[in-house]
Amino acid sequence: MEQEEKIQNEETAETAQTTQEQQEEVKEESKKEKKKKHGNEQEEKIMEMGEKLAEMNDKYMRMYSEYENYRKRTNLEKADLILNGGKDVIKSILPVVDDMERALQAMPEGDNAREGVTLILNKMLQILQQKGLKPMEAKGEKFDENLHEAVTQFPAPSEDMKGKVMDVVEKGYYLNEKVLRYAKVVVAI
């Protein structure tokens, strides 16, 4: 009996040890699962944070691009204002220049007043040219509705003159390569 009891105790001890080992294995597996689960949660958080970072980066790049476009546009507007700021003043002076040119044509050669008016006109034109004003050459050129305003039309004296400017009634001007005033012209048809 003792022997049976001993064997039974040994079997119980072995069973207990096996059960304990199984419990430890289950605990280890549970820990591994928890680590996996915890690892999956961390991976999900990392993925979520990565997506948020990409979204924030995209917003930043768009905002930066908008700012750069705004800055460039305002710089261009400032440059245009500087270049063409006196546009209205220059445009209002042009009739005076026209009147002085007509006065010169009406004055006889050798007149002292003619020389004075010529000097004043040349000085005024020189100052206006420094500000970007340039006269438009129209006589003999092909008629261009983007540069010329047809006042009247006359029959062409020759075939090669058809569609060209015969005479200039009022001079046209450019201001910094843009048309300030269209030339009023007579066109040959």
C-alpha atoms as a PDB file:
ATOM      1  CA  MET A   1       0.000   0.000   0.000  1.00  0.00           C
ATOM      2  CA  GLU A   2       2.731   2.239   0.737  1.00  0.00           C
ATOM      3  CA  GLN A   3       4.087   1.534  -2.595  1.00  0.00           C
ATOM      4  CA  GLU A   4       0.785   2.229  -4.216  1.00  0.00           C
ATOM      5  CA  GLU A   5       0.505   5.411  -2.265  1.00  0.00           C
ATOM      6  CA  LYS A   6       3.983   6.364  -3.287  1.00  0.00           C
ATOM      7  CA  ILE A   7       3.219   5.676  -6.923  1.00  0.00           C
ATOM      8  CA  GLN A   8      -0.018   7.582  -6.611  1.00  0.00           C
ATOM      9  CA  ASN A   9       1.794  10.511  -4.981  1.00  0.00           C
ATOM     10  CA  GLU A  10       4.386  10.452  -7.723  1.00  0.00           C
ATOM     11  CA  GLU A  11       1.647  10.386 -10.355  1.00  0.00           C
ATOM     12  CA  THR A  12      -0.122  13.241  -8.599  1.00  0.00           C
ATOM     13  CA  ALA A  13       3.154  15.141  -8.429  1.00  0.00           C
ATOM     14  CA  GLU A  14       3.791  14.489 -12.109  1.00  0.00           C
ATOM     15  CA  THR A  15       0.254  15.514 -12.986  1.00  0.00           C
ATOM     16  CA  ALA A  16       0.622  18.623 -10.858  1.00  0.00           C
ATOM     17  CA  GLN A  17       3.936  19.413 -12.512  1.00  0.00           C
ATOM     18  CA  THR A  18       2.466  18.803 -15.950  1.00  0.00           C
ATOM     19  CA  THR A  19      -0.518  20.960 -15.068  1.00  0.00           C
ATOM     20  CA  GLN A  20       1.806  23.643 -13.747  1.00  0.00           C
ATOM     21  CA  GLU A  21       3.886  23.477 -16.944  1.00  0.00           C
ATOM     22  CA  GLN A  22       0.742  23.685 -19.027  1.00  0.00           C
ATOM     23  CA  GLN A  23      -0.418  26.678 -17.002  1.00  0.00           C
ATOM     24  CA  GLU A  24       2.956  28.340 -17.522  1.00  0.00           C
ATOM     25  CA  GLU A  25       2.740  27.631 -21.255  1.00  0.00           C
ATOM     26  CA  VAL A  26      -0.783  29.099 -21.327  1.00  0.00           C
ATOM     27  CA  LYS A  27       0.475  32.144 -19.398  1.00  0.00           C
ATOM     28  CA  GLU A  28       3.369  32.531 -21.841  1.00  0.00           C
ATOM     29  CA  GLU A  29       1.072  32.212 -24.820  1.00  0.00           C
ATOM     30  CA  SER A  30      -1.267  34.713 -23.192  1.00  0.00           C
ATOM     31  CA  LYS A  31       1.664  37.083 -22.689  1.00  0.00           C
ATOM     32  CA  LYS A  32       2.717  36.585 -26.305  1.00  0.00           C
ATOM     33  CA  GLU A  33      -0.825  37.261 -27.487  1.00  0.00           C
ATOM     34  CA  LYS A  34      -0.986  40.360 -25.299  1.00  0.00           C
ATOM     35  CA  LYS A  35       2.355  41.496 -26.725  1.00  0.00           C
ATOM     36  CA  LYS A  36       1.081  40.808 -30.243  1.00  0.00           C
ATOM     37  CA  LYS A  37      -2.153  42.594 -29.481  1.00  0.00           C
ATOM     38  CA  HIS A  38      -0.263  45.432 -27.864  1.00  0.00           C
ATOM     39  CA  GLY A  39       2.165  45.416 -30.814  1.00  0.00           C
ATOM     40  CA  ASN A  40      -0.752  45.534 -33.259  1.00  0.00           C
ATOM     41  CA  GLU A  41      -2.229  48.443 -31.332  1.00  0.00           C
ATOM     42  CA  GLN A  42       1.115  50.244 -31.488  1.00  0.00           C
ATOM     43  CA  GLU A  43       1.434  49.528 -35.204  1.00  0.00           C
ATOM     44  CA  GLU A  44      -2.069  50.881 -35.733  1.00  0.00           C
ATOM     45  CA  LYS A  45      -1.181  54.006 -33.732  1.00  0.00           C
ATOM     46  CA  ILE A  46       2.021  54.407 -35.721  1.00  0.00           C
ATOM     47  CA  MET A  47       0.086  54.046 -38.993  1.00  0.00           C
ATOM     48  CA  GLU A  48      -2.513  56.534 -37.781  1.00  0.00           C
ATOM     49  CA  MET A  49       0.193  59.012 -36.758  1.00  0.00           C
ATOM     50  CA  GLY A  50       1.915  58.539 -40.125  1.00  0.00           C
ATOM     51  CA  GLU A  51      -1.323  59.325 -41.947  1.00  0.00           C
ATOM     52  CA  LYS A  52      -1.847  62.430 -39.795  1.00  0.00           C
ATOM     53  CA  LEU A  53       1.734  63.519 -40.474  1.00  0.00           C
ATOM     54  CA  ALA A  54       1.260  63.090 -44.230  1.00  0.00           C
ATOM     55  CA  GLU A  55      -1.998  65.060 -44.075  1.00  0.00           C
ATOM     56  CA  MET A  56      -0.378  67.870 -42.069  1.00  0.00           C
ATOM     57  CA  ASN A  57       2.591  67.934 -44.438  1.00  0.00           C
ATOM     58  CA  ASP A  58       0.220  68.197 -47.414  1.00  0.00           C
ATOM     59  CA  LYS A  59      -1.651  71.086 -45.767  1.00  0.00           C
ATOM     60  CA  TYR A  60       1.654  72.805 -45.004  1.00  0.00           C
ATOM     61  CA  MET A  61       2.901  72.442 -48.587  1.00  0.00           C
ATOM     62  CA  ARG A  62      -0.366  73.814 -49.985  1.00  0.00           C
ATOM     63  CA  MET A  63      -0.309  76.759 -47.615  1.00  0.00           C
ATOM     64  CA  TYR A  64       3.336  77.450 -48.411  1.00  0.00           C
ATOM     65  CA  SER A  65       2.579  77.342 -52.156  1.00  0.00           C
ATOM     66  CA  GLU A  66      -0.359  79.721 -51.732  1.00  0.00           C
ATOM     67  CA  TYR A  67       1.840  82.125 -49.796  1.00  0.00           C
ATOM     68  CA  GLU A  68       4.588  81.975 -52.441  1.00  0.00           C
ATOM     69  CA  ASN A  69       2.036  82.652 -55.203  1.00  0.00           C
ATOM     70  CA  TYR A  70       0.614  85.573 -53.203  1.00  0.00           C
ATOM     71  CA  ARG A  71       4.108  86.997 -52.618  1.00  0.00           C
ATOM     72  CA  LYS A  72       5.036  86.725 -56.310  1.00  0.00           C
ATOM     73  CA  ARG A  73       1.725  88.268 -57.406  1.00  0.00           C
ATOM     74  CA  THR A  74       2.089  91.239 -55.041  1.00  0.00           C
ATOM     75  CA  ASN A  75       5.707  91.765 -56.163  1.00  0.00           C
ATOM     76  CA  LEU A  76       4.566  91.814 -59.802  1.00  0.00           C
ATOM     77  CA  GLU A  77       1.785  94.251 -58.942  1.00  0.00           C
ATOM     78  CA  LYS A  78       4.262  96.508 -57.126  1.00  0.00           C
ATOM     79  CA  ALA A  79       6.666  96.401 -60.072  1.00  0.00           C
ATOM     80  CA  ASP A  80       3.811  97.202 -62.463  1.00  0.00           C
ATOM     81  CA  LEU A  81       2.736 100.122 -60.276  1.00  0.00           C
ATOM     82  CA  ILE A  82       6.271 101.455 -60.219  1.00  0.00           C
ATOM     83  CA  LEU A  83       6.651 101.109 -63.990  1.00  0.00           C
ATOM     84  CA  ASN A  84       3.236 102.431 -64.932  1.00  0.00           C
ATOM     85  CA  GLY A  85       2.471 104.622 -61.932  1.00  0.00           C
ATOM     86  CA  GLY A  86       2.706 107.815 -63.959  1.00  0.00           C
ATOM     87  CA  LYS A  87       0.582 106.407 -66.778  1.00  0.00           C
ATOM     88  CA  ASP A  88      -2.341 108.792 -66.198  1.00  0.00           C
ATOM     89  CA  VAL A  89      -0.081 111.836 -65.875  1.00  0.00           C
ATOM     90  CA  ILE A  90       1.860 110.951 -69.017  1.00  0.00           C
ATOM     91  CA  LYS A  91      -1.374 110.271 -70.919  1.00  0.00           C
ATOM     92  CA  SER A  92      -2.713 113.685 -69.918  1.00  0.00           C
ATOM     93  CA  ILE A  93       0.535 115.367 -71.098  1.00  0.00           C
ATOM     94  CA  LEU A  94       0.361 113.798 -74.587  1.00  0.00           C
ATOM     95  CA  PRO A  95      -2.175 116.362 -75.963  1.00  0.00           C
ATOM     96  CA  VAL A  96       0.244 119.120 -74.917  1.00  0.00           C
ATOM     97  CA  VAL A  97       3.036 117.352 -76.831  1.00  0.00           C
ATOM     98  CA  ASP A  98       0.711 117.106 -79.865  1.00  0.00           C
ATOM     99  CA  ASP A  99      -0.107 120.814 -79.643  1.00  0.00           C
ATOM    100  CA  MET A 100       3.594 121.716 -79.439  1.00  0.00           C
ATOM    101  CA  GLU A 101       4.348 119.581 -82.514  1.00  0.00           C
ATOM    102  CA  ARG A 102       1.503 121.293 -84.434  1.00  0.00           C
ATOM    103  CA  ALA A 103       2.781 124.709 -83.290  1.00  0.00           C
ATOM    104  CA  LEU A 104       6.254 123.835 -84.623  1.00  0.00           C
ATOM    105  CA  GLN A 105       4.792 122.889 -88.008  1.00  0.00           C
ATOM    106  CA  ALA A 106       2.935 126.199 -88.180  1.00  0.00           C
ATOM    107  CA  MET A 107       5.993 128.361 -87.302  1.00  0.00           C
ATOM    108  CA  PRO A 108       8.258 129.568 -90.080  1.00  0.00           C
ATOM    109  CA  GLU A 109      11.859 128.272 -90.329  1.00  0.00           C
ATOM    110  CA  GLY A 110      14.480 130.486 -88.703  1.00  0.00           C
ATOM    111  CA  ASP A 111      12.049 131.954 -86.154  1.00  0.00           C
ATOM    112  CA  ASN A 112      13.590 132.364 -82.677  1.00  0.00           C
ATOM    113  CA  ALA A 113      10.352 131.246 -81.041  1.00  0.00           C
ATOM    114  CA  ARG A 114      10.478 128.042 -83.121  1.00  0.00           C
ATOM    115  CA  GLU A 115      13.927 127.247 -81.721  1.00  0.00           C
ATOM    116  CA  GLY A 116      12.683 127.811 -78.151  1.00  0.00           C
ATOM    117  CA  VAL A 117       9.619 125.614 -78.659  1.00  0.00           C
ATOM    118  CA  THR A 118      11.818 122.915 -80.256  1.00  0.00           C
ATOM    119  CA  LEU A 119      14.162 122.943 -77.256  1.00  0.00           C
ATOM    120  CA  ILE A 120      11.260 122.713 -74.803  1.00  0.00           C
ATOM    121  CA  LEU A 121       9.563 119.934 -76.797  1.00  0.00           C
ATOM    122  CA  ASN A 122      12.794 117.934 -77.084  1.00  0.00           C
ATOM    123  CA  LYS A 123      13.445 118.266 -73.361  1.00  0.00           C
ATOM    124  CA  MET A 124       9.891 117.182 -72.526  1.00  0.00           C
ATOM    125  CA  LEU A 125      10.133 114.190 -74.905  1.00  0.00           C
ATOM    126  CA  GLN A 126      13.499 113.218 -73.435  1.00  0.00           C
ATOM    127  CA  ILE A 127      12.048 113.213 -69.904  1.00  0.00           C
ATOM    128  CA  LEU A 128       9.022 111.200 -71.039  1.00  0.00           C
ATOM    129  CA  GLN A 129      11.286 108.699 -72.808  1.00  0.00           C
ATOM    130  CA  GLN A 130      13.224 108.220 -69.570  1.00  0.00           C
ATOM    131  CA  LYS A 131       9.908 107.295 -67.953  1.00  0.00           C
ATOM    132  CA  GLY A 132       9.290 104.623 -70.623  1.00  0.00           C
ATOM    133  CA  LEU A 133       7.351 106.546 -73.288  1.00  0.00           C
ATOM    134  CA  LYS A 134       8.109 105.591 -76.873  1.00  0.00           C
ATOM    135  CA  PRO A 135       6.419 106.952 -80.019  1.00  0.00           C
ATOM    136  CA  MET A 136       4.709 104.449 -82.291  1.00  0.00           C
ATOM    137  CA  GLU A 137       5.842 104.359 -85.908  1.00  0.00           C
ATOM    138  CA  ALA A 138       2.709 103.797 -87.979  1.00  0.00           C
ATOM    139  CA  LYS A 139       3.070 105.450 -91.389  1.00  0.00           C
ATOM    140  CA  GLY A 140       3.715 102.861 -94.106  1.00  0.00           C
ATOM    141  CA  GLU A 141       3.162  99.964 -91.669  1.00  0.00           C
ATOM    142  CA  LYS A 142       0.508  97.295 -92.157  1.00  0.00           C
ATOM    143  CA  PHE A 143      -2.727  98.227 -90.353  1.00  0.00           C
ATOM    144  CA  ASP A 144      -2.958  96.443 -86.995  1.00  0.00           C
ATOM    145  CA  GLU A 145      -6.174  96.869 -84.983  1.00  0.00           C
ATOM    146  CA  ASN A 146      -4.188  96.150 -81.808  1.00  0.00           C
ATOM    147  CA  LEU A 147      -2.061  99.267 -82.371  1.00  0.00           C
ATOM    148  CA  HIS A 148      -4.016 101.525 -84.699  1.00  0.00           C
ATOM    149  CA  GLU A 149      -7.420 103.147 -84.738  1.00  0.00           C
ATOM    150  CA  ALA A 150      -8.706 103.695 -88.290  1.00  0.00           C
ATOM    151  CA  VAL A 151     -10.206 107.183 -88.576  1.00  0.00           C
ATOM    152  CA  THR A 152     -10.937 106.928 -92.276  1.00  0.00           C
ATOM    153  CA  GLN A 153     -10.129 104.869 -95.354  1.00  0.00           C
ATOM    154  CA  PHE A 154      -8.951 105.975 -98.778  1.00  0.00           C
ATOM    155  CA  PRO A 155      -8.374 104.074-102.009  1.00  0.00           C
ATOM    156  CA  ALA A 156      -4.811 102.809-102.235  1.00  0.00           C
ATOM    157  CA  PRO A 157      -2.595 104.643-104.762  1.00  0.00           C
ATOM    158  CA  SER A 158      -0.871 101.326-105.572  1.00  0.00           C
ATOM    159  CA  GLU A 159      -1.435  97.616-104.931  1.00  0.00           C
ATOM    160  CA  ASP A 160       1.437  97.335-102.448  1.00  0.00           C
ATOM    161  CA  MET A 161      -0.138 100.057-100.250  1.00  0.00           C
ATOM    162  CA  LYS A 162      -3.418  98.149 -99.712  1.00  0.00           C
ATOM    163  CA  GLY A 163      -4.052  97.481 -96.012  1.00  0.00           C
ATOM    164  CA  LYS A 164      -1.267  99.836 -94.955  1.00  0.00           C
ATOM    165  CA  VAL A 165      -1.334 103.122 -93.067  1.00  0.00           C
ATOM    166  CA  MET A 166      -1.259 106.093 -95.471  1.00  0.00           C
ATOM    167  CA  ASP A 167      -1.245 108.913 -92.947  1.00  0.00           C
ATOM    168  CA  VAL A 168      -1.162 109.442 -89.175  1.00  0.00           C
ATOM    169  CA  VAL A 169      -3.782 111.833 -87.783  1.00  0.00           C
ATOM    170  CA  GLU A 170      -2.693 111.434 -84.147  1.00  0.00           C
ATOM    171  CA  LYS A 171       0.520 109.759 -83.028  1.00  0.00           C
ATOM    172  CA  GLY A 172       0.334 106.601 -80.922  1.00  0.00           C
ATOM    173  CA  TYR A 173       2.605 105.892 -77.960  1.00  0.00           C
ATOM    174  CA  TYR A 174       3.901 102.935 -75.955  1.00  0.00           C
ATOM    175  CA  LEU A 175       4.579 103.102 -72.244  1.00  0.00           C
ATOM    176  CA  ASN A 176       6.988 100.347 -71.183  1.00  0.00           C
ATOM    177  CA  GLU A 177       6.125  98.233 -74.244  1.00  0.00           C
ATOM    178  CA  LYS A 178       2.356  98.510 -73.627  1.00  0.00           C
ATOM    179  CA  VAL A 179       0.111 100.636 -75.799  1.00  0.00           C
ATOM    180  CA  LEU A 180      -0.615 103.899 -73.987  1.00  0.00           C
ATOM    181  CA  ARG A 181      -2.466 105.591 -76.831  1.00  0.00           C
ATOM    182  CA  TYR A 182      -3.555 104.043 -80.113  1.00  0.00           C
ATOM    183  CA  ALA A 183      -2.439 105.815 -83.283  1.00  0.00           C
ATOM    184  CA  LYS A 184      -5.311 107.372 -85.218  1.00  0.00           C
ATOM    185  CA  VAL A 185      -4.584 106.612 -88.834  1.00  0.00           C
ATOM    186  CA  VAL A 186      -5.846 106.747 -92.417  1.00  0.00           C
ATOM    187  CA  VAL A 187      -5.859 103.310 -94.032  1.00  0.00           C
ATOM    188  CA  ALA A 188      -5.479 102.496 -97.730  1.00  0.00           C
ATOM    189  CA  ILE A 189      -8.058 100.033 -99.087  1.00  0.00           C
END
